[in-house]
């Protein structure tokens, strides 16, 4: 699992039929404090996340393990919205 922040949305009117009706969000991996690292990528949203949310993502074959993404051509999925992060006993992020 990776921590990422939703930074945008993408729209695709022509796509694989198994992706029809699915929200595609642009996310960027973050460190444990929510600071951006790495490149942006697109993930299928399964939890109704929105721009600015800190989320947990899964990639590769693990992305096809949710009820929504099973047997679909996806490589990344948003599977949780983070409420808070605690690192070394200190809360470094809390959703407002």
N, C-alpha and C. Protein backbone atom coordinates (compact mmCIF):
# COMPACT_ATOMS: atom_id res chain seq x y z
N UNK A 1 0.84 -1.18 0.00
CA UNK A 1 0.00 0.00 0.00
C UNK A 1 0.88 1.24 0.00
N UNK A 2 0.38 2.25 -0.67
CA UNK A 2 1.08 3.53 -0.73
C UNK A 2 0.17 4.64 -0.23
N UNK A 3 0.75 5.63 0.42
CA UNK A 3 0.02 6.83 0.80
C UNK A 3 0.10 7.79 -0.38
N UNK A 4 -1.03 8.38 -0.74
CA UNK A 4 -1.05 9.32 -1.87
C UNK A 4 -2.07 10.41 -1.60
N UNK A 5 -1.92 11.53 -2.31
CA UNK A 5 -2.89 12.62 -2.24
C UNK A 5 -3.57 12.73 -3.59
N UNK A 6 -4.89 12.88 -3.56
CA UNK A 6 -5.65 13.08 -4.79
C UNK A 6 -5.38 14.51 -5.25
N UNK A 7 -4.86 14.64 -6.48
CA UNK A 7 -4.50 15.96 -6.98
C UNK A 7 -5.36 16.39 -8.17
N UNK A 8 -6.22 15.50 -8.64
CA UNK A 8 -7.06 15.88 -9.77
C UNK A 8 -7.92 14.74 -10.27
N UNK A 9 -8.62 15.01 -11.33
CA UNK A 9 -9.49 14.00 -11.93
C UNK A 9 -9.14 13.85 -13.40
N UNK A 10 -9.58 12.75 -13.98
CA UNK A 10 -9.41 12.57 -15.41
C UNK A 10 -10.72 12.04 -15.97
N UNK A 11 -11.02 12.43 -17.19
CA UNK A 11 -12.25 12.01 -17.85
C UNK A 11 -11.88 11.25 -19.11
N UNK A 12 -12.51 10.09 -19.28
CA UNK A 12 -12.29 9.28 -20.46
C UNK A 12 -13.64 8.76 -20.94
N UNK A 13 -14.10 9.26 -22.06
CA UNK A 13 -15.41 8.82 -22.55
C UNK A 13 -15.33 7.49 -23.28
N UNK A 14 -14.17 7.17 -23.82
CA UNK A 14 -13.98 5.88 -24.50
C UNK A 14 -13.00 5.07 -23.68
N UNK A 15 -13.47 3.95 -23.12
CA UNK A 15 -12.62 3.12 -22.27
C UNK A 15 -13.15 1.70 -22.25
N UNK A 16 -12.39 0.79 -21.66
CA UNK A 16 -12.83 -0.59 -21.53
C UNK A 16 -14.19 -0.63 -20.84
N UNK A 17 -15.06 -1.50 -21.30
CA UNK A 17 -16.43 -1.55 -20.76
C UNK A 17 -16.48 -1.83 -19.26
N UNK A 18 -15.48 -2.49 -18.72
CA UNK A 18 -15.47 -2.76 -17.28
C UNK A 18 -15.15 -1.51 -16.46
N UNK A 19 -14.69 -0.46 -17.11
CA UNK A 19 -14.37 0.79 -16.42
C UNK A 19 -15.47 1.84 -16.55
N UNK A 20 -16.50 1.54 -17.32
CA UNK A 20 -17.59 2.49 -17.51
C UNK A 20 -18.25 2.76 -16.16
N UNK A 21 -18.44 4.04 -15.85
CA UNK A 21 -19.07 4.44 -14.59
C UNK A 21 -18.10 4.53 -13.42
N UNK A 22 -16.85 4.26 -13.64
CA UNK A 22 -15.84 4.32 -12.57
C UNK A 22 -15.12 5.65 -12.60
N UNK A 23 -14.90 6.23 -11.42
CA UNK A 23 -14.20 7.51 -11.30
C UNK A 23 -12.69 7.26 -11.36
N UNK A 24 -12.01 8.03 -12.22
CA UNK A 24 -10.57 7.95 -12.37
C UNK A 24 -9.95 9.20 -11.76
N UNK A 25 -9.14 9.01 -10.73
CA UNK A 25 -8.53 10.15 -10.05
C UNK A 25 -7.02 10.16 -10.26
N UNK A 26 -6.46 11.36 -10.31
CA UNK A 26 -5.02 11.51 -10.41
C UNK A 26 -4.49 11.65 -8.99
N UNK A 27 -3.55 10.80 -8.63
CA UNK A 27 -2.97 10.82 -7.29
C UNK A 27 -1.45 10.94 -7.40
N UNK A 28 -0.85 11.42 -6.33
CA UNK A 28 0.61 11.52 -6.27
C UNK A 28 1.06 10.94 -4.94
N UNK A 29 1.99 10.02 -5.00
CA UNK A 29 2.49 9.39 -3.78
C UNK A 29 3.06 10.44 -2.84
N UNK A 30 2.89 10.22 -1.53
CA UNK A 30 3.43 11.12 -0.52
C UNK A 30 4.29 10.33 0.45
N UNK A 31 5.04 11.05 1.26
CA UNK A 31 5.77 10.40 2.34
C UNK A 31 4.83 10.22 3.52
N UNK A 32 5.37 9.78 4.65
CA UNK A 32 4.54 9.50 5.82
C UNK A 32 3.93 10.74 6.46
N UNK A 33 4.37 11.92 6.03
CA UNK A 33 3.81 13.16 6.56
C UNK A 33 2.87 13.84 5.56
N UNK A 34 2.65 13.18 4.42
CA UNK A 34 1.76 13.74 3.42
C UNK A 34 2.44 14.68 2.44
N UNK A 35 3.77 14.73 2.47
CA UNK A 35 4.52 15.57 1.53
C UNK A 35 4.73 14.82 0.22
N UNK A 36 4.53 15.49 -0.93
CA UNK A 36 4.61 14.79 -2.22
C UNK A 36 5.99 14.24 -2.53
N UNK A 37 5.99 13.04 -3.08
CA UNK A 37 7.18 12.38 -3.62
C UNK A 37 6.72 11.58 -4.83
N UNK A 38 7.56 11.37 -5.77
CA UNK A 38 7.19 10.56 -6.92
C UNK A 38 6.31 11.27 -7.93
N UNK A 39 5.94 10.51 -8.95
CA UNK A 39 5.18 11.05 -10.07
C UNK A 39 3.69 10.81 -9.88
N UNK A 40 2.86 11.64 -10.49
CA UNK A 40 1.41 11.41 -10.46
C UNK A 40 1.05 10.16 -11.26
N UNK A 41 -0.04 9.52 -10.87
CA UNK A 41 -0.57 8.38 -11.60
C UNK A 41 -2.08 8.35 -11.43
N UNK A 42 -2.75 7.59 -12.26
CA UNK A 42 -4.21 7.49 -12.23
C UNK A 42 -4.61 6.24 -11.48
N UNK A 43 -5.62 6.37 -10.61
CA UNK A 43 -6.13 5.23 -9.85
C UNK A 43 -7.65 5.22 -9.92
N UNK A 44 -8.22 4.03 -9.94
CA UNK A 44 -9.67 3.86 -9.88
C UNK A 44 -10.10 4.13 -8.44
N UNK A 45 -11.13 4.94 -8.27
CA UNK A 45 -11.64 5.29 -6.94
C UNK A 45 -12.75 4.31 -6.53
N UNK A 46 -12.59 3.67 -5.39
CA UNK A 46 -13.62 2.75 -4.89
C UNK A 46 -14.28 3.27 -3.63
N UNK A 47 -13.85 4.44 -3.13
CA UNK A 47 -14.34 4.92 -1.83
C UNK A 47 -14.88 6.35 -1.87
N UNK A 48 -15.12 6.89 -3.05
CA UNK A 48 -15.64 8.25 -3.22
C UNK A 48 -14.70 9.31 -2.66
N UNK A 49 -13.41 9.18 -2.97
CA UNK A 49 -12.42 10.17 -2.56
C UNK A 49 -12.57 11.41 -3.44
N UNK A 50 -11.95 12.50 -3.00
CA UNK A 50 -12.00 13.74 -3.76
C UNK A 50 -10.67 14.46 -3.75
N UNK A 51 -10.57 15.48 -4.57
CA UNK A 51 -9.34 16.25 -4.66
C UNK A 51 -8.94 16.77 -3.28
N UNK A 52 -7.67 16.58 -2.93
CA UNK A 52 -7.13 17.01 -1.65
C UNK A 52 -7.09 15.91 -0.60
N UNK A 53 -7.87 14.84 -0.78
CA UNK A 53 -7.88 13.75 0.19
C UNK A 53 -6.56 13.01 0.20
N UNK A 54 -6.14 12.59 1.38
CA UNK A 54 -5.00 11.69 1.55
C UNK A 54 -5.58 10.29 1.57
N UNK A 55 -5.06 9.39 0.73
CA UNK A 55 -5.67 8.08 0.53
C UNK A 55 -4.63 6.97 0.59
N UNK A 56 -5.11 5.74 0.71
CA UNK A 56 -4.27 4.56 0.57
C UNK A 56 -4.56 3.96 -0.79
N UNK A 57 -3.49 3.60 -1.50
CA UNK A 57 -3.65 2.98 -2.80
C UNK A 57 -2.93 1.64 -2.83
N UNK A 58 -3.38 0.80 -3.74
CA UNK A 58 -2.69 -0.46 -4.02
C UNK A 58 -2.40 -0.48 -5.50
N UNK A 59 -1.30 -1.13 -5.88
CA UNK A 59 -0.90 -1.16 -7.28
C UNK A 59 -0.63 -2.58 -7.73
N UNK A 60 -0.55 -2.74 -9.04
CA UNK A 60 -0.27 -4.05 -9.61
C UNK A 60 -1.44 -5.00 -9.43
N UNK A 61 -1.14 -6.28 -9.29
CA UNK A 61 -2.22 -7.27 -9.17
C UNK A 61 -3.08 -7.04 -7.93
N UNK A 62 -2.54 -6.42 -6.91
CA UNK A 62 -3.32 -6.11 -5.70
C UNK A 62 -4.45 -5.14 -6.01
N UNK A 63 -4.29 -4.31 -7.02
CA UNK A 63 -5.32 -3.34 -7.38
C UNK A 63 -6.57 -4.02 -7.92
N UNK A 64 -6.46 -5.27 -8.32
CA UNK A 64 -7.60 -5.99 -8.87
C UNK A 64 -8.26 -6.91 -7.84
N UNK A 65 -8.05 -6.63 -6.57
CA UNK A 65 -8.59 -7.48 -5.51
C UNK A 65 -9.83 -6.92 -4.82
N UNK A 66 -10.27 -5.70 -5.16
CA UNK A 66 -11.48 -5.16 -4.54
C UNK A 66 -12.70 -5.68 -5.29
N UNK A 67 -13.86 -5.58 -4.69
CA UNK A 67 -15.09 -6.01 -5.36
C UNK A 67 -15.32 -5.23 -6.65
N UNK A 68 -14.97 -3.95 -6.64
CA UNK A 68 -15.21 -3.10 -7.81
C UNK A 68 -14.20 -3.36 -8.92
N UNK A 69 -12.96 -3.69 -8.58
CA UNK A 69 -11.91 -3.82 -9.60
C UNK A 69 -11.59 -5.25 -9.98
N UNK A 70 -12.25 -6.21 -9.39
CA UNK A 70 -11.98 -7.62 -9.71
C UNK A 70 -12.16 -7.86 -11.21
N UNK A 71 -11.17 -8.48 -11.81
CA UNK A 71 -11.19 -8.83 -13.24
C UNK A 71 -11.30 -7.61 -14.16
N UNK A 72 -10.76 -6.47 -13.73
CA UNK A 72 -10.75 -5.28 -14.58
C UNK A 72 -9.31 -4.91 -14.91
N UNK A 73 -9.10 -4.19 -16.01
CA UNK A 73 -7.74 -3.84 -16.42
C UNK A 73 -7.22 -2.59 -15.69
N UNK A 74 -6.97 -2.72 -14.39
CA UNK A 74 -6.47 -1.60 -13.61
C UNK A 74 -5.12 -1.94 -13.00
N UNK A 75 -4.34 -0.91 -12.77
CA UNK A 75 -3.03 -1.09 -12.16
C UNK A 75 -2.91 -0.34 -10.84
N UNK A 76 -3.89 0.53 -10.53
CA UNK A 76 -3.88 1.26 -9.26
C UNK A 76 -5.31 1.51 -8.81
N UNK A 77 -5.53 1.39 -7.50
CA UNK A 77 -6.86 1.58 -6.93
C UNK A 77 -6.75 2.37 -5.63
N UNK A 78 -7.72 3.26 -5.42
CA UNK A 78 -7.84 3.94 -4.13
C UNK A 78 -8.79 3.11 -3.31
N UNK A 79 -8.31 2.63 -2.15
CA UNK A 79 -9.12 1.70 -1.35
C UNK A 79 -9.46 2.23 0.03
N UNK A 80 -8.93 3.40 0.40
CA UNK A 80 -9.24 3.98 1.71
C UNK A 80 -8.92 5.47 1.70
N UNK A 81 -9.71 6.22 2.46
CA UNK A 81 -9.43 7.64 2.70
C UNK A 81 -8.85 7.72 4.11
N UNK A 82 -7.71 8.36 4.25
CA UNK A 82 -7.02 8.42 5.54
C UNK A 82 -7.63 9.50 6.43
N UNK A 83 -7.96 9.14 7.67
CA UNK A 83 -8.46 10.11 8.65
C UNK A 83 -7.32 10.76 9.42
N UNK A 84 -6.30 9.96 9.75
CA UNK A 84 -5.15 10.51 10.46
C UNK A 84 -3.94 9.61 10.26
N UNK A 85 -2.77 10.20 10.44
CA UNK A 85 -1.50 9.48 10.40
C UNK A 85 -0.74 9.78 11.67
N UNK A 86 -0.22 8.76 12.29
CA UNK A 86 0.62 8.92 13.47
C UNK A 86 1.97 8.28 13.19
N UNK A 87 3.04 9.05 13.36
CA UNK A 87 4.39 8.57 13.11
C UNK A 87 5.23 8.83 14.35
N UNK A 88 5.87 7.80 14.86
CA UNK A 88 6.71 7.91 16.06
C UNK A 88 5.96 8.56 17.23
N UNK A 89 4.69 8.19 17.39
CA UNK A 89 3.89 8.70 18.50
C UNK A 89 3.34 10.09 18.32
N UNK A 90 3.57 10.69 17.16
CA UNK A 90 3.10 12.06 16.91
C UNK A 90 2.14 12.05 15.73
N UNK A 91 0.99 12.70 15.89
CA UNK A 91 0.05 12.82 14.78
C UNK A 91 0.59 13.83 13.78
N UNK A 92 0.85 13.35 12.55
CA UNK A 92 1.43 14.22 11.52
C UNK A 92 0.39 14.65 10.50
N UNK A 93 -0.78 14.01 10.53
CA UNK A 93 -1.89 14.39 9.64
C UNK A 93 -3.20 14.04 10.31
N UNK A 94 -4.14 14.95 10.22
CA UNK A 94 -5.51 14.71 10.67
C UNK A 94 -6.44 15.38 9.68
N UNK A 95 -7.37 14.58 9.15
CA UNK A 95 -8.33 15.13 8.19
C UNK A 95 -9.22 16.13 8.90
N UNK A 96 -9.38 17.32 8.29
CA UNK A 96 -10.18 18.35 8.93
C UNK A 96 -11.62 18.30 8.48
